[in-house]
Amino acid sequence: EQQLLGRVIGMEQRSLEETLTQLMEEVAANTKSLLVLDKQLLDRLSNSTGNLLDDTELIEVLANTKAKAKEVEQKLADAEEKKIEINEKREQYRPVATRG
């Protein structure tokens, strides 16, 4: 039914299905970006010697990670809102997909 719904929307409102696909790709990329940032930060923390507050490079990485994490979290929240809107629009075509 989901596949048929995707095909119906692809025929009726191609841009809606393309937007959903693009949105899912962006979410995956942003999630991957967060994982990379976490790994970089953990690597820096584990390789740090001495007082953490004296390691200016570590503090810069931490600040960059924090800023990027906030940006990615906002993008993920926006994407979730868009996904809900798109799914509401997609549901309007579900009766057609069900009949198919």
PDB file of N, CA and C in Angstrom:
ATOM      1  N   GLU A   1       0.832  -1.193   0.000  1.00  0.00           N
ATOM      2  CA  GLU A   1       0.000   0.000   0.000  1.00  0.00           C
ATOM      3  C   GLU A   1       0.877   1.258   0.000  1.00  0.00           C
ATOM      4  N   GLN A   2       1.971   1.231   0.791  1.00  0.00           N
ATOM      5  CA  GLN A   2       2.867   2.395   0.836  1.00  0.00           C
ATOM      6  C   GLN A   2       3.510   2.636  -0.531  1.00  0.00           C
ATOM      7  N   GLN A   3       3.904   1.544  -1.196  1.00  0.00           N
ATOM      8  CA  GLN A   3       4.520   1.690  -2.513  1.00  0.00           C
ATOM      9  C   GLN A   3       3.518   2.253  -3.514  1.00  0.00           C
ATOM     10  N   LEU A   4       2.319   1.750  -3.457  1.00  0.00           N
ATOM     11  CA  LEU A   4       1.280   2.233  -4.360  1.00  0.00           C
ATOM     12  C   LEU A   4       0.954   3.698  -4.060  1.00  0.00           C
ATOM     13  N   LEU A   5       0.946   4.034  -2.779  1.00  0.00           N
ATOM     14  CA  LEU A   5       0.714   5.428  -2.390  1.00  0.00           C
ATOM     15  C   LEU A   5       1.812   6.318  -2.975  1.00  0.00           C
ATOM     16  N   GLY A   6       3.053   5.860  -2.879  1.00  0.00           N
ATOM     17  CA  GLY A   6       4.175   6.615  -3.447  1.00  0.00           C
ATOM     18  C   GLY A   6       4.033   6.798  -4.945  1.00  0.00           C
ATOM     19  N   ARG A   7       3.564   5.770  -5.622  1.00  0.00           N
ATOM     20  CA  ARG A   7       3.389   5.853  -7.075  1.00  0.00           C
ATOM     21  C   ARG A   7       2.242   6.798  -7.441  1.00  0.00           C
ATOM     22  N   VAL A   8       1.137   6.727  -6.681  1.00  0.00           N
ATOM     23  CA  VAL A   8      -0.002   7.622  -6.948  1.00  0.00           C
ATOM     24  C   VAL A   8       0.429   9.068  -6.762  1.00  0.00           C
ATOM     25  N   ILE A   9       1.114   9.334  -5.686  1.00  0.00           N
ATOM     26  CA  ILE A   9       1.563  10.706  -5.425  1.00  0.00           C
ATOM     27  C   ILE A   9       2.595  11.125  -6.460  1.00  0.00           C
ATOM     28  N   GLY A  10       3.438  10.171  -6.876  1.00  0.00           N
ATOM     29  CA  GLY A  10       4.412  10.471  -7.918  1.00  0.00           C
ATOM     30  C   GLY A  10       3.749  10.920  -9.207  1.00  0.00           C
ATOM     31  N   MET A  11       2.571  10.373  -9.471  1.00  0.00           N
ATOM     32  CA  MET A  11       1.844  10.765 -10.681  1.00  0.00           C
ATOM     33  C   MET A  11       1.056  12.052 -10.465  1.00  0.00           C
ATOM     34  N   GLU A  12       0.427  12.171  -9.315  1.00  0.00           N
ATOM     35  CA  GLU A  12      -0.454  13.316  -9.059  1.00  0.00           C
ATOM     36  C   GLU A  12       0.314  14.561  -8.598  1.00  0.00           C
ATOM     37  N   GLN A  13       1.246  14.350  -7.682  1.00  0.00           N
ATOM     38  CA  GLN A  13       2.005  15.481  -7.134  1.00  0.00           C
ATOM     39  C   GLN A  13       3.464  15.063  -6.977  1.00  0.00           C
ATOM     40  N   ARG A  14       4.154  15.042  -8.079  1.00  0.00           N
ATOM     41  CA  ARG A  14       5.540  14.592  -8.104  1.00  0.00           C
ATOM     42  C   ARG A  14       6.426  15.392  -7.141  1.00  0.00           C
ATOM     43  N   SER A  15       6.193  16.686  -7.059  1.00  0.00           N
ATOM     44  CA  SER A  15       7.039  17.529  -6.202  1.00  0.00           C
ATOM     45  C   SER A  15       6.923  17.128  -4.735  1.00  0.00           C
ATOM     46  N   LEU A  16       5.749  16.672  -4.338  1.00  0.00           N
ATOM     47  CA  LEU A  16       5.543  16.254  -2.947  1.00  0.00           C
ATOM     48  C   LEU A  16       6.405  15.034  -2.623  1.00  0.00           C
ATOM     49  N   GLU A  17       6.409  14.071  -3.504  1.00  0.00           N
ATOM     50  CA  GLU A  17       7.206  12.858  -3.289  1.00  0.00           C
ATOM     51  C   GLU A  17       8.697  13.175  -3.373  1.00  0.00           C
ATOM     52  N   GLU A  18       9.085  14.061  -4.280  1.00  0.00           N
ATOM     53  CA  GLU A  18      10.483  14.459  -4.393  1.00  0.00           C
ATOM     54  C   GLU A  18      10.940  15.201  -3.143  1.00  0.00           C
ATOM     55  N   THR A  19      10.080  16.042  -2.606  1.00  0.00           N
ATOM     56  CA  THR A  19      10.402  16.768  -1.386  1.00  0.00           C
ATOM     57  C   THR A  19      10.600  15.805  -0.227  1.00  0.00           C
ATOM     58  N   LEU A  20       9.745  14.801  -0.127  1.00  0.00           N
ATOM     59  CA  LEU A  20       9.875  13.816   0.944  1.00  0.00           C
ATOM     60  C   LEU A  20      11.180  13.042   0.815  1.00  0.00           C
ATOM     61  N   THR A  21      11.527  12.644  -0.388  1.00  0.00           N
ATOM     62  CA  THR A  21      12.779  11.921  -0.614  1.00  0.00           C
ATOM     63  C   THR A  21      13.975  12.779  -0.252  1.00  0.00           C
ATOM     64  N   GLN A  22      13.965  14.024  -0.693  1.00  0.00           N
ATOM     65  CA  GLN A  22      15.060  14.948  -0.395  1.00  0.00           C
ATOM     66  C   GLN A  22      15.168  15.172   1.119  1.00  0.00           C
ATOM     67  N   LEU A  23      14.040  15.301   1.764  1.00  0.00           N
ATOM     68  CA  LEU A  23      14.000  15.516   3.202  1.00  0.00           C
ATOM     69  C   LEU A  23      14.621  14.338   3.949  1.00  0.00           C
ATOM     70  N   MET A  24      14.291  13.142   3.518  1.00  0.00           N
ATOM     71  CA  MET A  24      14.839  11.954   4.165  1.00  0.00           C
ATOM     72  C   MET A  24      16.356  11.868   3.967  1.00  0.00           C
ATOM     73  N   GLU A  25      16.838  12.271   2.795  1.00  0.00           N
ATOM     74  CA  GLU A  25      18.270  12.284   2.534  1.00  0.00           C
ATOM     75  C   GLU A  25      18.970  13.309   3.426  1.00  0.00           C
ATOM     76  N   GLU A  26      18.361  14.480   3.588  1.00  0.00           N
ATOM     77  CA  GLU A  26      18.944  15.515   4.438  1.00  0.00           C
ATOM     78  C   GLU A  26      19.001  15.066   5.899  1.00  0.00           C
ATOM     79  N   VAL A  27      17.948  14.402   6.358  1.00  0.00           N
ATOM     80  CA  VAL A  27      17.926  13.898   7.734  1.00  0.00           C
ATOM     81  C   VAL A  27      19.050  12.892   7.933  1.00  0.00           C
ATOM     82  N   ALA A  28      19.233  12.011   6.973  1.00  0.00           N
ATOM     83  CA  ALA A  28      20.302  11.013   7.075  1.00  0.00           C
ATOM     84  C   ALA A  28      21.671  11.687   7.099  1.00  0.00           C
ATOM     85  N   ALA A  29      21.872  12.677   6.247  1.00  0.00           N
ATOM     86  CA  ALA A  29      23.148  13.389   6.208  1.00  0.00           C
ATOM     87  C   ALA A  29      23.403  14.151   7.500  1.00  0.00           C
ATOM     88  N   ASN A  30      22.375  14.797   8.038  1.00  0.00           N
ATOM     89  CA  ASN A  30      22.536  15.544   9.284  1.00  0.00           C
ATOM     90  C   ASN A  30      22.803  14.620  10.466  1.00  0.00           C
ATOM     91  N   THR A  31      22.150  13.481  10.485  1.00  0.00           N
ATOM     92  CA  THR A  31      22.383  12.517  11.556  1.00  0.00           C
ATOM     93  C   THR A  31      23.814  11.992  11.477  1.00  0.00           C
ATOM     94  N   LYS A  32      24.275  11.717  10.268  1.00  0.00           N
ATOM     95  CA  LYS A  32      25.652  11.256  10.081  1.00  0.00           C
ATOM     96  C   LYS A  32      26.635  12.332  10.522  1.00  0.00           C
ATOM     97  N   SER A  33      26.324  13.573  10.210  1.00  0.00           N
ATOM     98  CA  SER A  33      27.180  14.691  10.603  1.00  0.00           C
ATOM     99  C   SER A  33      27.310  14.771  12.120  1.00  0.00           C
ATOM    100  N   LEU A  34      26.201  14.579  12.821  1.00  0.00           N
ATOM    101  CA  LEU A  34      26.243  14.583  14.287  1.00  0.00           C
ATOM    102  C   LEU A  34      27.117  13.453  14.815  1.00  0.00           C
ATOM    103  N   LEU A  35      27.020  12.296  14.227  1.00  0.00           N
ATOM    104  CA  LEU A  35      27.835  11.160  14.665  1.00  0.00           C
ATOM    105  C   LEU A  35      29.317  11.421  14.453  1.00  0.00           C
ATOM    106  N   VAL A  36      29.657  12.048  13.333  1.00  0.00           N
ATOM    107  CA  VAL A  36      31.059  12.383  13.047  1.00  0.00           C
ATOM    108  C   VAL A  36      31.572  13.387  14.075  1.00  0.00           C
ATOM    109  N   LEU A  37      30.767  14.394  14.379  1.00  0.00           N
ATOM    110  CA  LEU A  37      31.167  15.396  15.369  1.00  0.00           C
ATOM    111  C   LEU A  37      31.379  14.761  16.742  1.00  0.00           C
ATOM    112  N   ASP A  38      30.486  13.874  17.118  1.00  0.00           N
ATOM    113  CA  ASP A  38      30.630  13.181  18.401  1.00  0.00           C
ATOM    114  C   ASP A  38      31.924  12.378  18.445  1.00  0.00           C
ATOM    115  N   LYS A  39      32.221  11.697  17.359  1.00  0.00           N
ATOM    116  CA  LYS A  39      33.435  10.883  17.303  1.00  0.00           C
ATOM    117  C   LYS A  39      34.676  11.758  17.412  1.00  0.00           C
ATOM    118  N   GLN A  40      34.688  12.872  16.688  1.00  0.00           N
ATOM    119  CA  GLN A  40      35.825  13.787  16.731  1.00  0.00           C
ATOM    120  C   GLN A  40      36.034  14.310  18.146  1.00  0.00           C
ATOM    121  N   LEU A  41      34.956  14.676  18.794  1.00  0.00           N
ATOM    122  CA  LEU A  41      35.055  15.210  20.145  1.00  0.00           C
ATOM    123  C   LEU A  41      35.564  14.144  21.110  1.00  0.00           C
ATOM    124  N   LEU A  42      35.042  12.954  21.005  1.00  0.00           N
ATOM    125  CA  LEU A  42      35.499  11.871  21.883  1.00  0.00           C
ATOM    126  C   LEU A  42      36.965  11.534  21.631  1.00  0.00           C
ATOM    127  N   ASP A  43      37.395  11.565  20.377  1.00  0.00           N
ATOM    128  CA  ASP A  43      38.806  11.325  20.063  1.00  0.00           C
ATOM    129  C   ASP A  43      39.691  12.386  20.716  1.00  0.00           C
ATOM    130  N   ARG A  44      39.268  13.636  20.611  1.00  0.00           N
ATOM    131  CA  ARG A  44      40.056  14.725  21.222  1.00  0.00           C
ATOM    132  C   ARG A  44      40.110  14.579  22.728  1.00  0.00           C
ATOM    133  N   LEU A  45      38.984  14.228  23.323  1.00  0.00           N
ATOM    134  CA  LEU A  45      38.951  14.077  24.776  1.00  0.00           C
ATOM    135  C   LEU A  45      39.825  12.910  25.229  1.00  0.00           C
ATOM    136  N   SER A  46      39.788  11.821  24.501  1.00  0.00           N
ATOM    137  CA  SER A  46      40.572  10.651  24.909  1.00  0.00           C
ATOM    138  C   SER A  46      42.060  10.850  24.671  1.00  0.00           C
ATOM    139  N   ASN A  47      42.445  11.678  23.711  1.00  0.00           N
ATOM    140  CA  ASN A  47      43.853  11.915  23.413  1.00  0.00           C
ATOM    141  C   ASN A  47      44.413  13.128  24.142  1.00  0.00           C
ATOM    142  N   SER A  48      43.588  13.820  24.876  1.00  0.00           N
ATOM    143  CA  SER A  48      44.028  15.013  25.583  1.00  0.00           C
ATOM    144  C   SER A  48      44.841  14.626  26.817  1.00  0.00           C
ATOM    145  N   THR A  49      45.894  15.381  27.046  1.00  0.00           N
ATOM    146  CA  THR A  49      46.711  15.153  28.238  1.00  0.00           C
ATOM    147  C   THR A  49      46.760  16.438  29.046  1.00  0.00           C
ATOM    148  N   GLY A  50      46.901  16.294  30.322  1.00  0.00           N
ATOM    149  CA  GLY A  50      46.966  17.460  31.190  1.00  0.00           C
ATOM    150  C   GLY A  50      45.593  18.042  31.460  1.00  0.00           C
ATOM    151  N   ASN A  51      45.581  19.310  31.796  1.00  0.00           N
ATOM    152  CA  ASN A  51      44.351  20.012  32.124  1.00  0.00           C
ATOM    153  C   ASN A  51      43.549  20.289  30.856  1.00  0.00           C
ATOM    154  N   LEU A  52      42.305  19.865  30.852  1.00  0.00           N
ATOM    155  CA  LEU A  52      41.456  20.052  29.672  1.00  0.00           C
ATOM    156  C   LEU A  52      41.230  21.523  29.356  1.00  0.00           C
ATOM    157  N   LEU A  53      41.203  22.353  30.376  1.00  0.00           N
ATOM    158  CA  LEU A  53      40.950  23.772  30.172  1.00  0.00           C
ATOM    159  C   LEU A  53      42.126  24.484  29.509  1.00  0.00           C
ATOM    160  N   ASP A  54      43.306  23.885  29.561  1.00  0.00           N
ATOM    161  CA  ASP A  54      44.483  24.486  28.933  1.00  0.00           C
ATOM    162  C   ASP A  54      44.613  24.105  27.467  1.00  0.00           C
ATOM    163  N   ASP A  55      43.876  23.122  27.026  1.00  0.00           N
ATOM    164  CA  ASP A  55      43.935  22.654  25.640  1.00  0.00           C
ATOM    165  C   ASP A  55      43.002  23.509  24.783  1.00  0.00           C
ATOM    166  N   THR A  56      43.569  24.586  24.186  1.00  0.00           N
ATOM    167  CA  THR A  56      42.745  25.521  23.405  1.00  0.00           C
ATOM    168  C   THR A  56      42.150  24.860  22.166  1.00  0.00           C
ATOM    169  N   GLU A  57      42.885  23.938  21.576  1.00  0.00           N
ATOM    170  CA  GLU A  57      42.367  23.248  20.393  1.00  0.00           C
ATOM    171  C   GLU A  57      41.145  22.409  20.751  1.00  0.00           C
ATOM    172  N   LEU A  58      41.188  21.765  21.898  1.00  0.00           N
ATOM    173  CA  LEU A  58      40.056  20.969  22.364  1.00  0.00           C
ATOM    174  C   LEU A  58      38.846  21.866  22.632  1.00  0.00           C
ATOM    175  N   ILE A  59      39.090  23.024  23.217  1.00  0.00           N
ATOM    176  CA  ILE A  59      38.002  23.958  23.507  1.00  0.00           C
ATOM    177  C   ILE A  59      37.380  24.457  22.204  1.00  0.00           C
ATOM    178  N   GLU A  60      38.212  24.706  21.174  1.00  0.00           N
ATOM    179  CA  GLU A  60      37.691  25.125  19.875  1.00  0.00           C
ATOM    180  C   GLU A  60      36.842  24.024  19.247  1.00  0.00           C
ATOM    181  N   VAL A  61      37.333  22.791  19.327  1.00  0.00           N
ATOM    182  CA  VAL A  61      36.574  21.660  18.780  1.00  0.00           C
ATOM    183  C   VAL A  61      35.251  21.526  19.514  1.00  0.00           C
ATOM    184  N   LEU A  62      35.277  21.680  20.820  1.00  0.00           N
ATOM    185  CA  LEU A  62      34.055  21.596  21.620  1.00  0.00           C
ATOM    186  C   LEU A  62      33.065  22.692  21.228  1.00  0.00           C
ATOM    187  N   ALA A  63      33.554  23.909  21.064  1.00  0.00           N
ATOM    188  CA  ALA A  63      32.684  25.022  20.676  1.00  0.00           C
ATOM    189  C   ALA A  63      32.094  24.803  19.280  1.00  0.00           C
ATOM    190  N   ASN A  64      32.935  24.345  18.352  1.00  0.00           N
ATOM    191  CA  ASN A  64      32.451  24.080  16.994  1.00  0.00           C
ATOM    192  C   ASN A  64      31.424  22.953  16.993  1.00  0.00           C
ATOM    193  N   THR A  65      31.693  21.925  17.781  1.00  0.00           N
ATOM    194  CA  THR A  65      30.779  20.795  17.870  1.00  0.00           C
ATOM    195  C   THR A  65      29.441  21.238  18.441  1.00  0.00           C
ATOM    196  N   LYS A  66      29.495  22.052  19.466  1.00  0.00           N
ATOM    197  CA  LYS A  66      28.263  22.536  20.092  1.00  0.00           C
ATOM    198  C   LYS A  66      27.442  23.372  19.110  1.00  0.00           C
ATOM    199  N   ALA A  67      28.102  24.269  18.391  1.00  0.00           N
ATOM    200  CA  ALA A  67      27.400  25.128  17.437  1.00  0.00           C
ATOM    201  C   ALA A  67      26.804  24.295  16.301  1.00  0.00           C
ATOM    202  N   LYS A  68      27.588  23.375  15.776  1.00  0.00           N
ATOM    203  CA  LYS A  68      27.108  22.537  14.676  1.00  0.00           C
ATOM    204  C   LYS A  68      25.972  21.633  15.149  1.00  0.00           C
ATOM    205  N   ALA A  69      26.079  21.123  16.372  1.00  0.00           N
ATOM    206  CA  ALA A  69      25.033  20.257  16.915  1.00  0.00           C
ATOM    207  C   ALA A  69      23.713  21.019  17.038  1.00  0.00           C
ATOM    208  N   LYS A  70      23.765  22.275  17.488  1.00  0.00           N
ATOM    209  CA  LYS A  70      22.547  23.079  17.578  1.00  0.00           C
ATOM    210  C   LYS A  70      21.942  23.305  16.196  1.00  0.00           C
ATOM    211  N   GLU A  71      22.803  23.588  15.237  1.00  0.00           N
ATOM    212  CA  GLU A  71      22.342  23.821  13.872  1.00  0.00           C
ATOM    213  C   GLU A  71      21.684  22.559  13.299  1.00  0.00           C
ATOM    214  N   VAL A  72      22.327  21.421  13.499  1.00  0.00           N
ATOM    215  CA  VAL A  72      21.794  20.157  12.979  1.00  0.00           C
ATOM    216  C   VAL A  72      20.506  19.792  13.694  1.00  0.00           C
ATOM    217  N   GLU A  73      20.446  20.000  14.989  1.00  0.00           N
ATOM    218  CA  GLU A  73      19.218  19.704  15.735  1.00  0.00           C
ATOM    219  C   GLU A  73      18.050  20.549  15.223  1.00  0.00           C
ATOM    220  N   GLN A  74      18.322  21.811  14.905  1.00  0.00           N
ATOM    221  CA  GLN A  74      17.271  22.682  14.366  1.00  0.00           C
ATOM    222  C   GLN A  74      16.817  22.174  13.005  1.00  0.00           C
ATOM    223  N   LYS A  75      17.783  21.767  12.175  1.00  0.00           N
ATOM    224  CA  LYS A  75      17.444  21.235  10.860  1.00  0.00           C
ATOM    225  C   LYS A  75      16.612  19.960  10.999  1.00  0.00           C
ATOM    226  N   LEU A  76      16.970  19.112  11.961  1.00  0.00           N
ATOM    227  CA  LEU A  76      16.219  17.877  12.173  1.00  0.00           C
ATOM    228  C   LEU A  76      14.800  18.172  12.654  1.00  0.00           C
ATOM    229  N   ALA A  77      14.656  19.170  13.518  1.00  0.00           N
ATOM    230  CA  ALA A  77      13.321  19.550  13.993  1.00  0.00           C
ATOM    231  C   ALA A  77      12.478  20.107  12.842  1.00  0.00           C
ATOM    232  N   ASP A  78      13.091  20.951  12.008  1.00  0.00           N
ATOM    233  CA  ASP A  78      12.384  21.493  10.844  1.00  0.00           C
ATOM    234  C   ASP A  78      11.986  20.372   9.886  1.00  0.00           C
ATOM    235  N   ALA A  79      12.888  19.436   9.703  1.00  0.00           N
ATOM    236  CA  ALA A  79      12.609  18.315   8.805  1.00  0.00           C
ATOM    237  C   ALA A  79      11.450  17.475   9.326  1.00  0.00           C
ATOM    238  N   GLU A  80      11.388  17.294  10.628  1.00  0.00           N
ATOM    239  CA  GLU A  80      10.298  16.504  11.208  1.00  0.00           C
ATOM    240  C   GLU A  80       8.959  17.202  10.987  1.00  0.00           C
ATOM    241  N   GLU A  81       8.937  18.524  11.138  1.00  0.00           N
ATOM    242  CA  GLU A  81       7.705  19.279  10.881  1.00  0.00           C
ATOM    243  C   GLU A  81       7.282  19.154   9.420  1.00  0.00           C
ATOM    244  N   LYS A  82       8.245  19.282   8.508  1.00  0.00           N
ATOM    245  CA  LYS A  82       7.933  19.159   7.089  1.00  0.00           C
ATOM    246  C   LYS A  82       7.436  17.755   6.766  1.00  0.00           C
ATOM    247  N   LYS A  83       8.056  16.777   7.385  1.00  0.00           N
ATOM    248  CA  LYS A  83       7.663  15.385   7.138  1.00  0.00           C
ATOM    249  C   LYS A  83       6.215  15.155   7.570  1.00  0.00           C
ATOM    250  N   ILE A  84       5.843  15.733   8.687  1.00  0.00           N
ATOM    251  CA  ILE A  84       4.460  15.607   9.160  1.00  0.00           C
ATOM    252  C   ILE A  84       3.493  16.254   8.161  1.00  0.00           C
ATOM    253  N   GLU A  85       3.851  17.450   7.685  1.00  0.00           N
ATOM    254  CA  GLU A  85       3.004  18.141   6.707  1.00  0.00           C
ATOM    255  C   GLU A  85       2.869  17.318   5.425  1.00  0.00           C
ATOM    256  N   ILE A  86       3.977  16.790   4.949  1.00  0.00           N
ATOM    257  CA  ILE A  86       3.957  16.011   3.712  1.00  0.00           C
ATOM    258  C   ILE A  86       3.127  14.746   3.893  1.00  0.00           C
ATOM    259  N   ASN A  87       3.303  14.091   5.033  1.00  0.00           N
ATOM    260  CA  ASN A  87       2.538  12.865   5.281  1.00  0.00           C
ATOM    261  C   ASN A  87       1.038  13.145   5.381  1.00  0.00           C
ATOM    262  N   GLU A  88       0.670  14.304   5.924  1.00  0.00           N
ATOM    263  CA  GLU A  88      -0.748  14.674   5.966  1.00  0.00           C
ATOM    264  C   GLU A  88      -1.294  14.836   4.555  1.00  0.00           C
ATOM    265  N   LYS A  89      -0.503  15.461   3.682  1.00  0.00           N
ATOM    266  CA  LYS A  89      -0.924  15.630   2.295  1.00  0.00           C
ATOM    267  C   LYS A  89      -0.985  14.276   1.584  1.00  0.00           C
ATOM    268  N   ARG A  90      -0.030  13.402   1.897  1.00  0.00           N
ATOM    269  CA  ARG A  90      -0.005  12.072   1.281  1.00  0.00           C
ATOM    270  C   ARG A  90      -1.238  11.264   1.684  1.00  0.00           C
ATOM    271  N   GLU A  91      -1.679  11.432   2.901  1.00  0.00           N
ATOM    272  CA  GLU A  91      -2.829  10.659   3.390  1.00  0.00           C
ATOM    273  C   GLU A  91      -4.101  10.957   2.602  1.00  0.00           C
ATOM    274  N   GLN A  92      -4.167  12.113   1.987  1.00  0.00           N
ATOM    275  CA  GLN A  92      -5.328  12.463   1.170  1.00  0.00           C
ATOM    276  C   GLN A  92      -5.452  11.513  -0.022  1.00  0.00           C
ATOM    277  N   TYR A  93      -4.340  10.922  -0.427  1.00  0.00           N
ATOM    278  CA  TYR A  93      -4.343  10.008  -1.573  1.00  0.00           C
ATOM    279  C   TYR A  93      -4.431   8.537  -1.163  1.00  0.00           C
ATOM    280  N   ARG A  94      -4.461   8.249   0.125  1.00  0.00           N
ATOM    281  CA  ARG A  94      -4.484   6.870   0.583  1.00  0.00           C
ATOM    282  C   ARG A  94      -5.692   6.082   0.064  1.00  0.00           C
ATOM    283  N   PRO A  95      -6.908   6.671   0.023  1.00  0.00           N
ATOM    284  CA  PRO A  95      -8.039   5.904  -0.515  1.00  0.00           C
ATOM    285  C   PRO A  95      -7.804   5.402  -1.943  1.00  0.00           C
ATOM    286  N   VAL A  96      -7.118   6.215  -2.729  1.00  0.00           N
ATOM    287  CA  VAL A  96      -6.813   5.805  -4.109  1.00  0.00           C
ATOM    288  C   VAL A  96      -5.851   4.624  -4.083  1.00  0.00           C
ATOM    289  N   ALA A  97      -4.820   4.707  -3.241  1.00  0.00           N
ATOM    290  CA  ALA A  97      -3.851   3.621  -3.131  1.00  0.00           C
ATOM    291  C   ALA A  97      -4.489   2.349  -2.593  1.00  0.00           C
ATOM    292  N   THR A  98      -5.418   2.497  -1.665  1.00  0.00           N
ATOM    293  CA  THR A  98      -6.092   1.349  -1.077  1.00  0.00           C
ATOM    294  C   THR A  98      -6.947   0.638  -2.117  1.00  0.00           C
ATOM    295  N   ARG A  99      -7.622   1.424  -2.942  1.00  0.00           N
ATOM    296  CA  ARG A  99      -8.453   0.816  -3.998  1.00  0.00           C
ATOM    297  C   ARG A  99      -7.594   0.045  -4.996  1.00  0.00           C
ATOM    298  N   GLY A 100      -6.338   0.555  -5.193  1.00  0.00           N
ATOM    299  CA  GLY A 100      -5.443  -0.071  -6.169  1.00  0.00           C
ATOM    300  C   GLY A 100      -4.975  -1.387  -5.680  1.00  0.00           C
TER     301      GLY A 100
END
